């Protein structure tokens, strides 16, 4: 399984709204089209963490292909009210907000 972690800022009190947007999105076929197997959202002191698990390392390619889907564009636009870039000076796409894994361990 491959995972990505997006780090951003979340507006105070917005967790329920963001969860609702993703719940509606995840109840479509979009996760399957993007190769998403699991999505987890976390909040900590104004920070937003979006952990997404994929079966394979091609999740980025599948997401790129989904970016033109109206549902993807709608959720991206709807999230702008609640989620902002961690570093607006360097942000151009979600790829600019992805954390870099530097250690990985799994039960044998």
N, C-alpha and C. Protein backbone atom coordinates (compact mmCIF):
# COMPACT_ATOMS: atom_id res chain seq x y z
N UNK A 1 0.84 -1.17 0.00
CA UNK A 1 0.00 0.00 0.00
C UNK A 1 0.89 1.24 0.00
N UNK A 2 0.48 2.25 -0.74
CA UNK A 2 1.19 3.53 -0.82
C UNK A 2 0.34 4.60 -0.14
N UNK A 3 0.97 5.50 0.58
CA UNK A 3 0.26 6.57 1.28
C UNK A 3 0.82 7.92 0.91
N UNK A 4 -0.06 8.93 0.95
CA UNK A 4 0.37 10.31 0.82
C UNK A 4 -0.22 11.09 2.00
N UNK A 5 0.49 12.11 2.43
CA UNK A 5 0.03 12.94 3.53
C UNK A 5 0.15 14.40 3.11
N UNK A 6 -0.99 15.07 3.02
CA UNK A 6 -1.03 16.49 2.70
C UNK A 6 -1.15 17.26 3.99
N UNK A 7 -0.34 18.31 4.13
CA UNK A 7 -0.36 19.17 5.31
C UNK A 7 -0.79 20.56 4.87
N UNK A 8 -1.76 21.12 5.58
CA UNK A 8 -2.25 22.46 5.27
C UNK A 8 -2.77 23.09 6.56
N UNK A 9 -3.44 24.21 6.43
CA UNK A 9 -4.07 24.88 7.57
C UNK A 9 -5.57 24.74 7.43
N UNK A 10 -6.26 24.59 8.57
CA UNK A 10 -7.71 24.45 8.57
C UNK A 10 -8.31 25.58 9.39
N UNK A 11 -9.41 26.12 8.91
CA UNK A 11 -10.09 27.20 9.63
C UNK A 11 -10.65 26.66 10.94
N UNK A 12 -10.65 27.47 11.99
CA UNK A 12 -11.19 27.03 13.27
C UNK A 12 -12.65 26.56 13.13
N UNK A 13 -12.94 25.41 13.70
CA UNK A 13 -14.28 24.87 13.69
C UNK A 13 -14.74 24.28 12.37
N UNK A 14 -13.85 24.11 11.40
CA UNK A 14 -14.24 23.65 10.07
C UNK A 14 -14.17 22.14 9.88
N UNK A 15 -13.71 21.40 10.86
CA UNK A 15 -13.51 19.96 10.69
C UNK A 15 -14.79 19.25 10.25
N UNK A 16 -15.91 19.58 10.85
CA UNK A 16 -17.18 18.92 10.51
C UNK A 16 -17.57 19.22 9.06
N UNK A 17 -17.39 20.46 8.62
CA UNK A 17 -17.71 20.84 7.25
C UNK A 17 -16.82 20.11 6.25
N UNK A 18 -15.53 20.05 6.55
CA UNK A 18 -14.59 19.37 5.66
C UNK A 18 -14.91 17.88 5.60
N UNK A 19 -15.21 17.28 6.75
CA UNK A 19 -15.58 15.86 6.77
C UNK A 19 -16.83 15.62 5.93
N UNK A 20 -17.80 16.52 6.00
CA UNK A 20 -19.02 16.37 5.21
C UNK A 20 -18.75 16.44 3.72
N UNK A 21 -17.86 17.34 3.31
CA UNK A 21 -17.51 17.43 1.90
C UNK A 21 -16.88 16.14 1.41
N UNK A 22 -15.96 15.60 2.21
CA UNK A 22 -15.30 14.35 1.80
C UNK A 22 -16.24 13.15 1.89
N UNK A 23 -17.15 13.17 2.84
CA UNK A 23 -18.10 12.06 2.92
C UNK A 23 -18.94 11.99 1.65
N UNK A 24 -19.43 13.13 1.20
CA UNK A 24 -20.21 13.16 -0.04
C UNK A 24 -19.35 12.73 -1.24
N UNK A 25 -18.12 13.22 -1.30
CA UNK A 25 -17.20 12.89 -2.38
C UNK A 25 -16.87 11.40 -2.38
N UNK A 26 -16.62 10.85 -1.20
CA UNK A 26 -16.23 9.45 -1.09
C UNK A 26 -17.39 8.48 -1.32
N UNK A 27 -18.61 9.00 -1.31
CA UNK A 27 -19.78 8.15 -1.61
C UNK A 27 -20.10 8.14 -3.11
N UNK A 28 -19.18 8.64 -3.92
CA UNK A 28 -19.29 8.55 -5.37
C UNK A 28 -18.26 7.51 -5.83
N UNK A 29 -18.12 7.36 -7.13
CA UNK A 29 -17.09 6.44 -7.64
C UNK A 29 -15.72 7.11 -7.74
N UNK A 30 -15.61 8.37 -7.31
CA UNK A 30 -14.34 9.08 -7.42
C UNK A 30 -13.18 8.39 -6.70
N UNK A 31 -13.34 7.92 -5.47
CA UNK A 31 -12.21 7.23 -4.84
C UNK A 31 -11.68 6.06 -5.66
N UNK A 32 -12.59 5.30 -6.24
CA UNK A 32 -12.17 4.17 -7.07
C UNK A 32 -11.43 4.65 -8.31
N UNK A 33 -11.92 5.71 -8.94
CA UNK A 33 -11.26 6.25 -10.13
C UNK A 33 -9.85 6.76 -9.81
N UNK A 34 -9.68 7.26 -8.58
CA UNK A 34 -8.39 7.81 -8.16
C UNK A 34 -7.49 6.75 -7.52
N UNK A 35 -8.02 5.55 -7.31
CA UNK A 35 -7.23 4.49 -6.69
C UNK A 35 -7.16 4.61 -5.18
N UNK A 36 -7.99 5.44 -4.58
CA UNK A 36 -7.98 5.65 -3.13
C UNK A 36 -8.63 4.45 -2.43
N UNK A 37 -7.92 3.90 -1.46
CA UNK A 37 -8.45 2.79 -0.67
C UNK A 37 -8.90 3.24 0.71
N UNK A 38 -8.28 4.29 1.22
CA UNK A 38 -8.65 4.81 2.54
C UNK A 38 -8.25 6.27 2.60
N UNK A 39 -9.10 7.06 3.28
CA UNK A 39 -8.80 8.46 3.51
C UNK A 39 -9.03 8.74 4.99
N UNK A 40 -8.08 9.42 5.59
CA UNK A 40 -8.22 9.84 6.98
C UNK A 40 -7.86 11.32 7.06
N UNK A 41 -8.66 12.06 7.81
CA UNK A 41 -8.42 13.49 8.00
C UNK A 41 -8.14 13.74 9.47
N UNK A 42 -7.12 14.55 9.73
CA UNK A 42 -6.73 14.88 11.09
C UNK A 42 -6.59 16.38 11.23
N UNK A 43 -6.80 16.86 12.43
CA UNK A 43 -6.63 18.27 12.74
C UNK A 43 -5.81 18.37 14.02
N UNK A 44 -4.86 19.30 14.04
CA UNK A 44 -4.08 19.53 15.25
C UNK A 44 -3.64 20.99 15.28
N UNK A 45 -4.17 21.74 16.24
CA UNK A 45 -3.78 23.13 16.47
C UNK A 45 -3.76 23.97 15.18
N UNK A 46 -4.83 23.89 14.44
CA UNK A 46 -4.95 24.68 13.22
C UNK A 46 -4.32 24.06 12.00
N UNK A 47 -3.71 22.88 12.16
CA UNK A 47 -3.13 22.19 11.02
C UNK A 47 -4.08 21.08 10.55
N UNK A 48 -4.06 20.83 9.28
CA UNK A 48 -4.91 19.83 8.63
C UNK A 48 -3.99 18.78 8.01
N UNK A 49 -4.30 17.53 8.28
CA UNK A 49 -3.53 16.41 7.75
C UNK A 49 -4.49 15.50 6.99
N UNK A 50 -4.18 15.25 5.74
CA UNK A 50 -5.03 14.45 4.87
C UNK A 50 -4.21 13.24 4.44
N UNK A 51 -4.48 12.11 5.07
CA UNK A 51 -3.78 10.86 4.78
C UNK A 51 -4.61 10.04 3.83
N UNK A 52 -4.01 9.66 2.70
CA UNK A 52 -4.71 8.92 1.68
C UNK A 52 -3.89 7.68 1.33
N UNK A 53 -4.54 6.53 1.34
CA UNK A 53 -3.88 5.26 1.05
C UNK A 53 -4.33 4.75 -0.31
N UNK A 54 -3.36 4.22 -1.06
CA UNK A 54 -3.59 3.67 -2.40
C UNK A 54 -3.04 2.25 -2.43
N UNK A 55 -3.59 1.43 -3.32
CA UNK A 55 -3.06 0.08 -3.50
C UNK A 55 -1.65 0.09 -4.05
N UNK A 56 -1.35 1.06 -4.90
CA UNK A 56 -0.05 1.11 -5.57
C UNK A 56 0.47 2.54 -5.59
N UNK A 57 1.67 2.71 -6.05
CA UNK A 57 2.34 4.00 -6.08
C UNK A 57 1.89 4.87 -7.26
N UNK A 58 0.81 4.50 -7.94
CA UNK A 58 0.36 5.28 -9.08
C UNK A 58 -0.80 6.21 -8.71
N UNK A 59 -1.06 6.41 -7.41
CA UNK A 59 -2.15 7.28 -6.98
C UNK A 59 -2.03 8.68 -7.52
N UNK A 60 -0.81 9.21 -7.56
CA UNK A 60 -0.61 10.55 -8.09
C UNK A 60 -1.03 10.67 -9.54
N UNK A 61 -0.71 9.65 -10.33
CA UNK A 61 -1.08 9.65 -11.74
C UNK A 61 -2.60 9.58 -11.90
N UNK A 62 -3.24 8.74 -11.10
CA UNK A 62 -4.69 8.61 -11.18
C UNK A 62 -5.38 9.90 -10.74
N UNK A 63 -4.84 10.55 -9.71
CA UNK A 63 -5.42 11.81 -9.25
C UNK A 63 -5.26 12.87 -10.33
N UNK A 64 -4.11 12.91 -10.97
CA UNK A 64 -3.90 13.87 -12.07
C UNK A 64 -4.98 13.67 -13.14
N UNK A 65 -5.30 12.43 -13.44
CA UNK A 65 -6.33 12.14 -14.43
C UNK A 65 -7.72 12.54 -13.98
N UNK A 66 -7.95 12.56 -12.67
CA UNK A 66 -9.28 12.90 -12.13
C UNK A 66 -9.48 14.40 -11.96
N UNK A 67 -8.43 15.18 -12.05
CA UNK A 67 -8.52 16.62 -11.77
C UNK A 67 -9.50 17.36 -12.68
N UNK A 68 -9.79 16.83 -13.85
CA UNK A 68 -10.72 17.51 -14.75
C UNK A 68 -12.16 17.07 -14.54
N UNK A 69 -12.38 16.08 -13.67
CA UNK A 69 -13.73 15.63 -13.36
C UNK A 69 -14.45 16.74 -12.58
N UNK A 70 -15.68 17.08 -12.95
CA UNK A 70 -16.40 18.15 -12.25
C UNK A 70 -16.53 17.93 -10.74
N UNK A 71 -16.62 16.68 -10.31
CA UNK A 71 -16.72 16.40 -8.87
C UNK A 71 -15.42 16.73 -8.15
N UNK A 72 -14.30 16.44 -8.78
CA UNK A 72 -12.99 16.77 -8.19
C UNK A 72 -12.83 18.29 -8.14
N UNK A 73 -13.19 18.95 -9.23
CA UNK A 73 -13.06 20.40 -9.27
C UNK A 73 -13.98 21.06 -8.24
N UNK A 74 -15.18 20.50 -8.04
CA UNK A 74 -16.13 21.05 -7.07
C UNK A 74 -15.60 20.92 -5.64
N UNK A 75 -15.11 19.73 -5.27
CA UNK A 75 -14.63 19.59 -3.90
C UNK A 75 -13.40 20.45 -3.67
N UNK A 76 -12.54 20.55 -4.67
CA UNK A 76 -11.36 21.41 -4.55
C UNK A 76 -11.78 22.85 -4.30
N UNK A 77 -12.79 23.31 -5.02
CA UNK A 77 -13.28 24.67 -4.85
C UNK A 77 -13.98 24.84 -3.49
N UNK A 78 -14.80 23.87 -3.10
CA UNK A 78 -15.51 23.94 -1.83
C UNK A 78 -14.57 23.94 -0.63
N UNK A 79 -13.45 23.24 -0.73
CA UNK A 79 -12.49 23.17 0.37
C UNK A 79 -11.76 24.49 0.60
N UNK A 80 -11.71 25.35 -0.41
CA UNK A 80 -10.97 26.61 -0.30
C UNK A 80 -11.50 27.49 0.83
N UNK A 81 -12.76 27.33 1.20
CA UNK A 81 -13.33 28.11 2.32
C UNK A 81 -12.74 27.69 3.66
N UNK A 82 -12.25 26.46 3.73
CA UNK A 82 -11.84 25.89 5.00
C UNK A 82 -10.35 25.54 5.09
N UNK A 83 -9.74 25.21 3.97
CA UNK A 83 -8.36 24.72 3.94
C UNK A 83 -7.50 25.72 3.17
N UNK A 84 -6.38 26.10 3.78
CA UNK A 84 -5.44 27.00 3.09
C UNK A 84 -4.05 26.37 3.12
N UNK A 85 -3.22 26.82 2.21
CA UNK A 85 -1.87 26.28 2.10
C UNK A 85 -1.07 26.53 3.37
N UNK A 86 -0.26 25.57 3.74
CA UNK A 86 0.64 25.74 4.88
C UNK A 86 1.65 26.84 4.58
N UNK A 87 2.16 26.85 3.37
CA UNK A 87 3.11 27.87 2.93
C UNK A 87 2.62 28.45 1.60
N UNK A 88 1.80 29.49 1.65
CA UNK A 88 1.23 30.04 0.42
C UNK A 88 2.27 30.49 -0.60
N UNK A 89 3.46 30.85 -0.15
CA UNK A 89 4.49 31.33 -1.07
C UNK A 89 5.00 30.23 -2.00
N UNK A 90 4.89 28.97 -1.58
CA UNK A 90 5.43 27.88 -2.40
C UNK A 90 4.35 26.96 -2.95
N UNK A 91 3.07 27.19 -2.58
CA UNK A 91 2.01 26.28 -2.98
C UNK A 91 1.51 26.58 -4.38
N UNK A 92 1.51 25.53 -5.22
CA UNK A 92 0.93 25.62 -6.56
C UNK A 92 -0.09 24.50 -6.76
N UNK A 93 0.10 23.38 -6.07
CA UNK A 93 -0.83 22.25 -6.17
C UNK A 93 -0.68 21.42 -4.89
N UNK A 94 -1.59 20.46 -4.66
CA UNK A 94 -1.46 19.61 -3.47
C UNK A 94 -0.10 18.93 -3.35
N UNK A 95 0.56 18.68 -4.46
CA UNK A 95 1.89 18.05 -4.42
C UNK A 95 2.88 18.91 -3.63
N UNK A 96 2.66 20.23 -3.61
CA UNK A 96 3.55 21.13 -2.87
C UNK A 96 3.28 21.09 -1.36
N UNK A 97 2.24 20.39 -0.96
CA UNK A 97 1.88 20.30 0.46
C UNK A 97 2.07 18.89 1.00
N UNK A 98 2.66 18.00 0.21
CA UNK A 98 2.82 16.61 0.66
C UNK A 98 4.05 16.44 1.53
N UNK A 99 3.82 15.79 2.64
CA UNK A 99 4.91 15.49 3.56
C UNK A 99 5.81 14.43 2.93
N UNK A 100 7.07 14.44 3.33
CA UNK A 100 8.03 13.46 2.84
C UNK A 100 8.24 12.39 3.91
N UNK A 101 7.99 11.16 3.54
CA UNK A 101 8.21 10.06 4.48
C UNK A 101 9.71 9.85 4.65
N UNK A 102 10.13 9.74 5.90
CA UNK A 102 11.54 9.49 6.15
C UNK A 102 11.78 8.24 7.00
N UNK A 103 10.69 7.53 7.36
CA UNK A 103 10.82 6.26 8.06
C UNK A 103 9.55 5.48 7.85
N UNK A 104 9.66 4.18 7.67
CA UNK A 104 8.51 3.32 7.44
C UNK A 104 8.78 1.98 8.09
N UNK A 105 7.84 1.49 8.87
CA UNK A 105 7.98 0.19 9.51
C UNK A 105 6.63 -0.50 9.41
N UNK A 106 6.64 -1.81 9.24
CA UNK A 106 5.43 -2.61 9.21
C UNK A 106 5.68 -3.93 9.92
N UNK A 107 4.66 -4.46 10.50
CA UNK A 107 4.70 -5.76 11.16
C UNK A 107 5.09 -6.80 10.10
N UNK A 108 6.08 -7.65 10.37
CA UNK A 108 6.46 -8.68 9.39
C UNK A 108 5.37 -9.72 9.20
